[in-house]
C-alpha atoms as a PDB file:
ATOM      1  CA  UNK A   1      65.887 -94.284 -92.204  1.00  0.00           C
ATOM      2  CA  UNK A   2      65.145 -96.497 -95.058  1.00  0.00           C
ATOM      3  CA  UNK A   3      61.614 -97.581 -94.824  1.00  0.00           C
ATOM      4  CA  UNK A   4      62.707-101.247 -93.946  1.00  0.00           C
ATOM      5  CA  UNK A   5      64.074 -99.770 -90.511  1.00  0.00           C
ATOM      6  CA  UNK A   6      60.853 -97.427 -89.991  1.00  0.00           C
ATOM      7  CA  UNK A   7      58.147-101.049 -89.988  1.00  0.00           C
ATOM      8  CA  UNK A   8      60.737-102.666 -87.568  1.00  0.00           C
ATOM      9  CA  UNK A   9      59.853-100.374 -85.248  1.00  0.00           C
ATOM     10  CA  UNK A  10      56.506-100.299 -86.057  1.00  0.00           C
ATOM     11  CA  UNK A  11      56.064-103.237 -85.899  1.00  0.00           C
ATOM     12  CA  UNK A  12      58.437-103.605 -82.525  1.00  0.00           C
ATOM     13  CA  UNK A  13      56.748-101.003 -80.352  1.00  0.00           C
ATOM     14  CA  UNK A  14      53.230-101.472 -81.741  1.00  0.00           C
ATOM     15  CA  UNK A  15      51.808-103.001 -84.446  1.00  0.00           C
ATOM     16  CA  UNK A  16      53.358-106.785 -83.882  1.00  0.00           C
ATOM     17  CA  UNK A  17      53.607-106.031 -79.805  1.00  0.00           C
ATOM     18  CA  UNK A  18      54.311-109.270 -78.935  1.00  0.00           C
ATOM     19  CA  UNK A  19      52.154-108.411 -75.666  1.00  0.00           C
ATOM     20  CA  UNK A  20      49.266-107.094 -76.244  1.00  0.00           C
ATOM     21  CA  UNK A  21      48.600-108.529 -79.914  1.00  0.00           C
ATOM     22  CA  UNK A  22      50.579-111.416 -80.233  1.00  0.00           C
ATOM     23  CA  UNK A  23      50.132-112.571 -77.058  1.00  0.00           C
ATOM     24  CA  UNK A  24      53.043-113.940 -76.917  1.00  0.00           C
ATOM     25  CA  UNK A  25      55.085-114.854 -73.027  1.00  0.00           C
ATOM     26  CA  UNK A  26      51.516-115.226 -71.914  1.00  0.00           C
ATOM     27  CA  UNK A  27      53.564-117.192 -67.939  1.00  0.00           C
ATOM     28  CA  UNK A  28      56.317-113.988 -67.633  1.00  0.00           C
ATOM     29  CA  UNK A  29      53.669-111.180 -68.275  1.00  0.00           C
ATOM     30  CA  UNK A  30      50.932-112.631 -66.333  1.00  0.00           C
ATOM     31  CA  UNK A  31      53.619-114.162 -63.072  1.00  0.00           C
ATOM     32  CA  UNK A  32      56.341-111.580 -62.933  1.00  0.00           C
ATOM     33  CA  UNK A  33      54.194-107.119 -62.872  1.00  0.00           C
ATOM     34  CA  UNK A  34      53.756-107.620 -59.291  1.00  0.00           C
ATOM     35  CA  UNK A  35      55.373-104.267 -59.548  1.00  0.00           C
ATOM     36  CA  UNK A  36      56.974-102.591 -62.276  1.00  0.00           C
ATOM     37  CA  UNK A  37      60.435-102.732 -61.340  1.00  0.00           C
ATOM     38  CA  UNK A  38      59.835-107.068 -61.488  1.00  0.00           C
ATOM     39  CA  UNK A  39      58.473-106.526 -64.642  1.00  0.00           C
ATOM     40  CA  UNK A  40      60.403-103.779 -66.660  1.00  0.00           C
ATOM     41  CA  UNK A  41      63.472-106.330 -65.594  1.00  0.00           C
ATOM     42  CA  UNK A  42      62.827-108.498 -66.822  1.00  0.00           C
ATOM     43  CA  UNK A  43      60.937-107.634 -70.299  1.00  0.00           C
ATOM     44  CA  UNK A  44      64.947-105.422 -70.541  1.00  0.00           C
ATOM     45  CA  UNK A  45      66.740-109.011 -70.054  1.00  0.00           C
ATOM     46  CA  UNK A  46      64.082-110.310 -73.123  1.00  0.00           C
ATOM     47  CA  UNK A  47      65.604-107.123 -75.283  1.00  0.00           C
ATOM     48  CA  UNK A  48      68.662-108.222 -74.557  1.00  0.00           C
ATOM     49  CA  UNK A  49      68.882-112.473 -74.804  1.00  0.00           C
ATOM     50  CA  UNK A  50      66.599-111.243 -78.696  1.00  0.00           C
ATOM     51  CA  UNK A  51      69.140-109.091 -80.301  1.00  0.00           C
ATOM     52  CA  UNK A  52      72.042-110.837 -79.443  1.00  0.00           C
ATOM     53  CA  UNK A  53      69.940-114.419 -80.342  1.00  0.00           C
ATOM     54  CA  UNK A  54      69.022-112.391 -83.919  1.00  0.00           C
ATOM     55  CA  UNK A  55      72.940-111.043 -83.909  1.00  0.00           C
ATOM     56  CA  UNK A  56      74.093-114.625 -83.574  1.00  0.00           C
ATOM     57  CA  UNK A  57      72.315-116.767 -85.637  1.00  0.00           C
ATOM     58  CA  UNK A  58      71.979-113.390 -88.863  1.00  0.00           C
ATOM     59  CA  UNK A  59      75.511-113.501 -90.390  1.00  0.00           C
ATOM     60  CA  UNK A  60      75.121-118.271 -90.014  1.00  0.00           C
ATOM     61  CA  UNK A  61      71.738-118.489 -91.808  1.00  0.00           C
ATOM     62  CA  UNK A  62      73.141-119.993 -94.375  1.00  0.00           C
ATOM     63  CA  UNK A  63      75.287-122.747 -92.584  1.00  0.00           C
ATOM     64  CA  UNK A  64      72.780-124.176 -90.685  1.00  0.00           C
ATOM     65  CA  UNK A  65      71.050-127.107 -91.938  1.00  0.00           C
ATOM     66  CA  UNK A  66      67.366-126.960 -92.280  1.00  0.00           C
ATOM     67  CA  UNK A  67      67.129-130.401 -89.953  1.00  0.00           C
ATOM     68  CA  UNK A  68      68.826-128.940 -86.737  1.00  0.00           C
ATOM     69  CA  UNK A  69      67.580-125.606 -87.458  1.00  0.00           C
ATOM     70  CA  UNK A  70      65.564-125.173 -84.442  1.00  0.00           C
ATOM     71  CA  UNK A  71      67.960-127.579 -82.312  1.00  0.00           C
ATOM     72  CA  UNK A  72      70.640-124.662 -82.928  1.00  0.00           C
ATOM     73  CA  UNK A  73      68.423-121.571 -82.505  1.00  0.00           C
ATOM     74  CA  UNK A  74      67.892-122.722 -78.863  1.00  0.00           C
ATOM     75  CA  UNK A  75      71.478-123.597 -77.980  1.00  0.00           C
ATOM     76  CA  UNK A  76      72.242-120.349 -79.019  1.00  0.00           C
ATOM     77  CA  UNK A  77      68.914-118.986 -77.207  1.00  0.00           C
ATOM     78  CA  UNK A  78      69.884-120.865 -73.704  1.00  0.00           C
ATOM     79  CA  UNK A  79      73.710-119.660 -74.236  1.00  0.00           C
ATOM     80  CA  UNK A  80      72.784-115.780 -73.961  1.00  0.00           C
ATOM     81  CA  UNK A  81      70.085-116.245 -71.566  1.00  0.00           C
ATOM     82  CA  UNK A  82      72.715-118.695 -69.063  1.00  0.00           C
ATOM     83  CA  UNK A  83      74.987-115.117 -69.610  1.00  0.00           C
ATOM     84  CA  UNK A  84      71.871-112.776 -68.032  1.00  0.00           C
ATOM     85  CA  UNK A  85      70.780-115.501 -65.504  1.00  0.00           C
ATOM     86  CA  UNK A  86      74.005-115.112 -63.910  1.00  0.00           C
ATOM     87  CA  UNK A  87      75.086-111.590 -64.296  1.00  0.00           C
ATOM     88  CA  UNK A  88      71.628-110.395 -62.958  1.00  0.00           C
ATOM     89  CA  UNK A  89      72.637-113.220 -59.971  1.00  0.00           C
ATOM     90  CA  UNK A  90      76.600-111.289 -59.785  1.00  0.00           C
ATOM     91  CA  UNK A  91      75.038-107.464 -59.621  1.00  0.00           C
ATOM     92  CA  UNK A  92      71.510-107.468 -58.604  1.00  0.00           C
ATOM     93  CA  UNK A  93      70.872-110.289 -56.597  1.00  0.00           C
ATOM     94  CA  UNK A  94      67.650-109.510 -54.289  1.00  0.00           C
ATOM     95  CA  UNK A  95      66.434-108.920 -58.032  1.00  0.00           C
ATOM     96  CA  UNK A  96      67.705-112.709 -59.186  1.00  0.00           C
ATOM     97  CA  UNK A  97      65.760-113.918 -56.182  1.00  0.00           C
ATOM     98  CA  UNK A  98      62.452-112.249 -56.665  1.00  0.00           C
ATOM     99  CA  UNK A  99      62.483-113.053 -60.472  1.00  0.00           C
ATOM    100  CA  UNK A 100      63.735-116.497 -59.956  1.00  0.00           C
ATOM    101  CA  UNK A 101      62.221-119.490 -62.085  1.00  0.00           C
ATOM    102  CA  UNK A 102      61.752-116.376 -65.678  1.00  0.00           C
ATOM    103  CA  UNK A 103      65.403-115.544 -66.553  1.00  0.00           C
ATOM    104  CA  UNK A 104      66.352-119.176 -66.942  1.00  0.00           C
ATOM    105  CA  UNK A 105      62.354-119.478 -68.267  1.00  0.00           C
ATOM    106  CA  UNK A 106      63.300-116.543 -70.980  1.00  0.00           C
ATOM    107  CA  UNK A 107      64.863-119.493 -72.702  1.00  0.00           C
ATOM    108  CA  UNK A 108      61.102-121.269 -73.576  1.00  0.00           C
ATOM    109  CA  UNK A 109      59.567-117.908 -74.317  1.00  0.00           C
ATOM    110  CA  UNK A 110      57.598-118.884 -77.687  1.00  0.00           C
ATOM    111  CA  UNK A 111      58.866-114.138 -78.552  1.00  0.00           C
ATOM    112  CA  UNK A 112      62.478-115.115 -78.789  1.00  0.00           C
ATOM    113  CA  UNK A 113      61.818-118.376 -80.640  1.00  0.00           C
ATOM    114  CA  UNK A 114      59.975-117.263 -83.115  1.00  0.00           C
ATOM    115  CA  UNK A 115      61.693-113.881 -84.087  1.00  0.00           C
ATOM    116  CA  UNK A 116      64.932-116.321 -84.994  1.00  0.00           C
ATOM    117  CA  UNK A 117      62.847-117.844 -87.078  1.00  0.00           C
ATOM    118  CA  UNK A 118      60.580-115.731 -88.777  1.00  0.00           C
ATOM    119  CA  UNK A 119      63.087-112.399 -89.019  1.00  0.00           C
ATOM    120  CA  UNK A 120      66.542-113.741 -88.305  1.00  0.00           C
ATOM    121  CA  UNK A 121      66.880-116.637 -90.186  1.00  0.00           C
ATOM    122  CA  UNK A 122      65.522-115.250 -92.968  1.00  0.00           C
ATOM    123  CA  UNK A 123      67.152-111.076 -93.611  1.00  0.00           C
ATOM    124  CA  UNK A 124      70.674-108.976 -92.658  1.00  0.00           C
ATOM    125  CA  UNK A 125      72.446-109.476 -89.003  1.00  0.00           C
ATOM    126  CA  UNK A 126      71.748-104.801 -88.986  1.00  0.00           C
ATOM    127  CA  UNK A 127      67.888-105.580 -88.941  1.00  0.00           C
ATOM    128  CA  UNK A 128      67.729-109.105 -87.187  1.00  0.00           C
ATOM    129  CA  UNK A 129      69.655-107.685 -84.061  1.00  0.00           C
ATOM    130  CA  UNK A 130      66.886-104.177 -84.903  1.00  0.00           C
ATOM    131  CA  UNK A 131      63.621-106.655 -84.838  1.00  0.00           C
ATOM    132  CA  UNK A 132      65.269-108.388 -81.314  1.00  0.00           C
ATOM    133  CA  UNK A 133      65.610-105.578 -80.209  1.00  0.00           C
ATOM    134  CA  UNK A 134      62.567-103.355 -80.391  1.00  0.00           C
ATOM    135  CA  UNK A 135      60.392-106.712 -79.680  1.00  0.00           C
ATOM    136  CA  UNK A 136      62.099-107.100 -76.540  1.00  0.00           C
ATOM    137  CA  UNK A 137      61.388-103.037 -75.711  1.00  0.00           C
ATOM    138  CA  UNK A 138      57.871-103.718 -76.697  1.00  0.00           C
ATOM    139  CA  UNK A 139      57.509-106.506 -74.753  1.00  0.00           C
ATOM    140  CA  UNK A 140      58.699-104.655 -71.453  1.00  0.00           C
ATOM    141  CA  UNK A 141      56.331-101.850 -72.793  1.00  0.00           C
ATOM    142  CA  UNK A 142      53.448-103.917 -71.509  1.00  0.00           C
ATOM    143  CA  UNK A 143      55.555-105.447 -69.074  1.00  0.00           C
ATOM    144  CA  UNK A 144      56.147-102.257 -67.125  1.00  0.00           C
ATOM    145  CA  UNK A 145      52.715-100.462 -67.689  1.00  0.00           C
ATOM    146  CA  UNK A 146      50.696-103.296 -66.499  1.00  0.00           C
ATOM    147  CA  UNK A 147      53.891-104.019 -63.153  1.00  0.00           C
ATOM    148  CA  UNK A 148      52.619-100.660 -62.752  1.00  0.00           C
ATOM    149  CA  UNK A 149      49.361-100.415 -63.030  1.00  0.00           C
ATOM    150  CA  UNK A 150      49.000-103.683 -60.635  1.00  0.00           C
ATOM    151  CA  UNK A 151      51.173-102.064 -58.424  1.00  0.00           C
ATOM    152  CA  UNK A 152      49.849 -98.377 -57.619  1.00  0.00           C
ATOM    153  CA  UNK A 153      46.521-100.433 -57.547  1.00  0.00           C
ATOM    154  CA  UNK A 154      47.243-103.565 -55.949  1.00  0.00           C
ATOM    155  CA  UNK A 155      49.897-101.718 -53.289  1.00  0.00           C
ATOM    156  CA  UNK A 156      49.330 -97.941 -53.431  1.00  0.00           C
ATOM    157  CA  UNK A 157      53.124 -97.617 -54.299  1.00  0.00           C
ATOM    158  CA  UNK A 158      54.909 -95.888 -57.480  1.00  0.00           C
ATOM    159  CA  UNK A 159      58.443 -98.643 -58.591  1.00  0.00           C
ATOM    160  CA  UNK A 160      58.556-100.551 -55.354  1.00  0.00           C
ATOM    161  CA  UNK A 161      62.295-102.530 -55.580  1.00  0.00           C
ATOM    162  CA  UNK A 162      64.507-100.001 -57.224  1.00  0.00           C
ATOM    163  CA  UNK A 163      66.973-100.413 -53.976  1.00  0.00           C
ATOM    164  CA  UNK A 164      67.053-104.888 -55.828  1.00  0.00           C
ATOM    165  CA  UNK A 165      68.658-103.197 -59.001  1.00  0.00           C
ATOM    166  CA  UNK A 166      69.911-100.396 -57.288  1.00  0.00           C
ATOM    167  CA  UNK A 167      71.330-100.355 -53.578  1.00  0.00           C
ATOM    168  CA  UNK A 168      71.795 -96.929 -51.661  1.00  0.00           C
ATOM    169  CA  UNK A 169      67.695 -96.866 -54.116  1.00  0.00           C
ATOM    170  CA  UNK A 170      64.680 -96.034 -51.578  1.00  0.00           C
ATOM    171  CA  UNK A 171      62.562 -99.140 -51.469  1.00  0.00           C
ATOM    172  CA  UNK A 172      59.512 -97.523 -53.223  1.00  0.00           C
ATOM    173  CA  UNK A 173      59.799 -93.200 -55.241  1.00  0.00           C
ATOM    174  CA  UNK A 174      56.174 -93.106 -53.524  1.00  0.00           C
ATOM    175  CA  UNK A 175      53.501 -95.210 -51.369  1.00  0.00           C
ATOM    176  CA  UNK A 176      50.078 -93.724 -51.034  1.00  0.00           C
ATOM    177  CA  UNK A 177      49.951 -93.210 -47.583  1.00  0.00           C
ATOM    178  CA  UNK A 178      47.419 -94.643 -45.565  1.00  0.00           C
ATOM    179  CA  UNK A 179      46.242 -97.300 -48.208  1.00  0.00           C
ATOM    180  CA  UNK A 180      45.232-100.977 -47.019  1.00  0.00           C
ATOM    181  CA  UNK A 181      46.063-102.188 -50.739  1.00  0.00           C
ATOM    182  CA  UNK A 182      43.776-104.171 -53.348  1.00  0.00           C
ATOM    183  CA  UNK A 183      44.566-107.493 -53.609  1.00  0.00           C
ATOM    184  CA  UNK A 184      42.991-108.983 -55.854  1.00  0.00           C
ATOM    185  CA  UNK A 185      45.169-106.533 -58.741  1.00  0.00           C
ATOM    186  CA  UNK A 186      48.289-108.052 -57.255  1.00  0.00           C
ATOM    187  CA  UNK A 187      46.618-111.579 -57.714  1.00  0.00           C
ATOM    188  CA  UNK A 188      46.620-113.764 -61.353  1.00  0.00           C
ATOM    189  CA  UNK A 189      43.323-112.644 -61.519  1.00  0.00           C
ATOM    190  CA  UNK A 190      43.873-108.634 -62.053  1.00  0.00           C
ATOM    191  CA  UNK A 191      47.199-109.425 -63.986  1.00  0.00           C
ATOM    192  CA  UNK A 192      43.838-111.130 -66.667  1.00  0.00           C
ATOM    193  CA  UNK A 193      41.324-107.466 -65.880  1.00  0.00           C
ATOM    194  CA  UNK A 194      45.253-105.305 -66.053  1.00  0.00           C
ATOM    195  CA  UNK A 195      46.515-107.311 -69.479  1.00  0.00           C
ATOM    196  CA  UNK A 196      42.939-107.313 -70.467  1.00  0.00           C
ATOM    197  CA  UNK A 197      42.818-103.703 -70.609  1.00  0.00           C
ATOM    198  CA  UNK A 198      45.780-102.960 -72.196  1.00  0.00           C
ATOM    199  CA  UNK A 199      45.369-104.922 -74.634  1.00  0.00           C
ATOM    200  CA  UNK A 200      41.339-102.845 -75.152  1.00  0.00           C
ATOM    201  CA  UNK A 201      43.209 -99.781 -75.090  1.00  0.00           C
ATOM    202  CA  UNK A 202      45.450-100.586 -78.294  1.00  0.00           C
ATOM    203  CA  UNK A 203      42.281-101.775 -80.066  1.00  0.00           C
ATOM    204  CA  UNK A 204      40.370 -98.788 -79.204  1.00  0.00           C
ATOM    205  CA  UNK A 205      43.562 -96.419 -80.237  1.00  0.00           C
ATOM    206  CA  UNK A 206      43.465 -97.960 -83.931  1.00  0.00           C
ATOM    207  CA  UNK A 207      40.148 -98.417 -84.541  1.00  0.00           C
ATOM    208  CA  UNK A 208      39.898 -95.000 -84.073  1.00  0.00           C
ATOM    209  CA  UNK A 209      42.771 -94.187 -86.261  1.00  0.00           C
ATOM    210  CA  UNK A 210      41.190 -96.677 -88.674  1.00  0.00           C
ATOM    211  CA  UNK A 211      38.147 -94.278 -88.628  1.00  0.00           C
ATOM    212  CA  UNK A 212      39.664 -90.719 -88.133  1.00  0.00           C
ATOM    213  CA  UNK A 213      41.390 -92.005 -91.822  1.00  0.00           C
ATOM    214  CA  UNK A 214      37.986 -92.849 -93.582  1.00  0.00           C
ATOM    215  CA  UNK A 215      36.934 -89.201 -92.185  1.00  0.00           C
ATOM    216  CA  UNK A 216      40.093 -88.068 -94.581  1.00  0.00           C
ATOM    217  CA  UNK A 217      38.997 -86.970 -98.933  1.00  0.00           C
ATOM    218  CA  UNK A 218      41.759 -90.252-101.068  1.00  0.00           C
ATOM    219  CA  UNK A 219      43.952 -87.518-101.639  1.00  0.00           C
ATOM    220  CA  UNK A 220      44.813 -86.996 -98.248  1.00  0.00           C
ATOM    221  CA  UNK A 221      44.996 -91.029 -97.306  1.00  0.00           C
ATOM    222  CA  UNK A 222      47.193 -91.848 -99.847  1.00  0.00           C
ATOM    223  CA  UNK A 223      49.595 -88.729 -98.860  1.00  0.00           C
ATOM    224  CA  UNK A 224      49.273 -90.375 -95.446  1.00  0.00           C
ATOM    225  CA  UNK A 225      50.242 -93.685 -96.260  1.00  0.00           C
ATOM    226  CA  UNK A 226      52.474 -92.430 -98.821  1.00  0.00           C
ATOM    227  CA  UNK A 227      53.934 -89.820 -95.874  1.00  0.00           C
END
C-alpha cells in the first residue's frame, strides 16, 4: 500500500477524525447517539454517501466550472442521500422512523461537502473514494462509541434496537438487571459530556505518544518516522 493510501486511512480514522478532531457534523453526533445502533446506522449511511459522492465528483471535477462547483456538489450529495433514505425506509422501516430527519440532513453535513470540496475535487477517483469512506468510518466509530457509552450508562443495555435493523434479533444483546438508568446520559448534556470524554481520551493518547517519541534518541525517531 502506497504512502498516499496509508495517509488517507490514518487521517480518516485518527489524525483528522471528523468526530473528535475536526468536530464536524455535531448535530447528528449529539442527537442520534442515544444508542450504539442508532449511531452506527447513521454513521454507516454517512460513510456510504461520502464514498459515493467523492467517487462521483472526482472523475468529472475538471468539467465543472468553478462558479457552479458547490451547487453541483450539493446536487450530487442530495441525490445519493435520497437513495440511501429510500433504501433504509424500504428495508429497515423501524430504524428509518427512529433516525427520522437526520438521514436527509446528511445533505448539509459539513464533513460530506468538505471532503468533496477539499479532496475529491483535486484527486483521482480511487483515493477520493477511499478518503470519503475512511472519513465516514472514522465518524461512525465516534458515533458508535458515544452511543454505546450513553446507552450503557443511561439505560443499562448493550446494542438495544438491533431488532430495528435485523428482524428476529433481540431488542438488546444485554440488559443490566435491576438498573433504573441514569437520565443525564441520554439527554443532550450527556452527549456533550460523552463527546468531551472521547476527545480527552484521544488527546491523552496523542500527548502520551508525543512524550514517548521525545524520549527516543534522534536516530530512533528518524527510523520511526521512516517506518
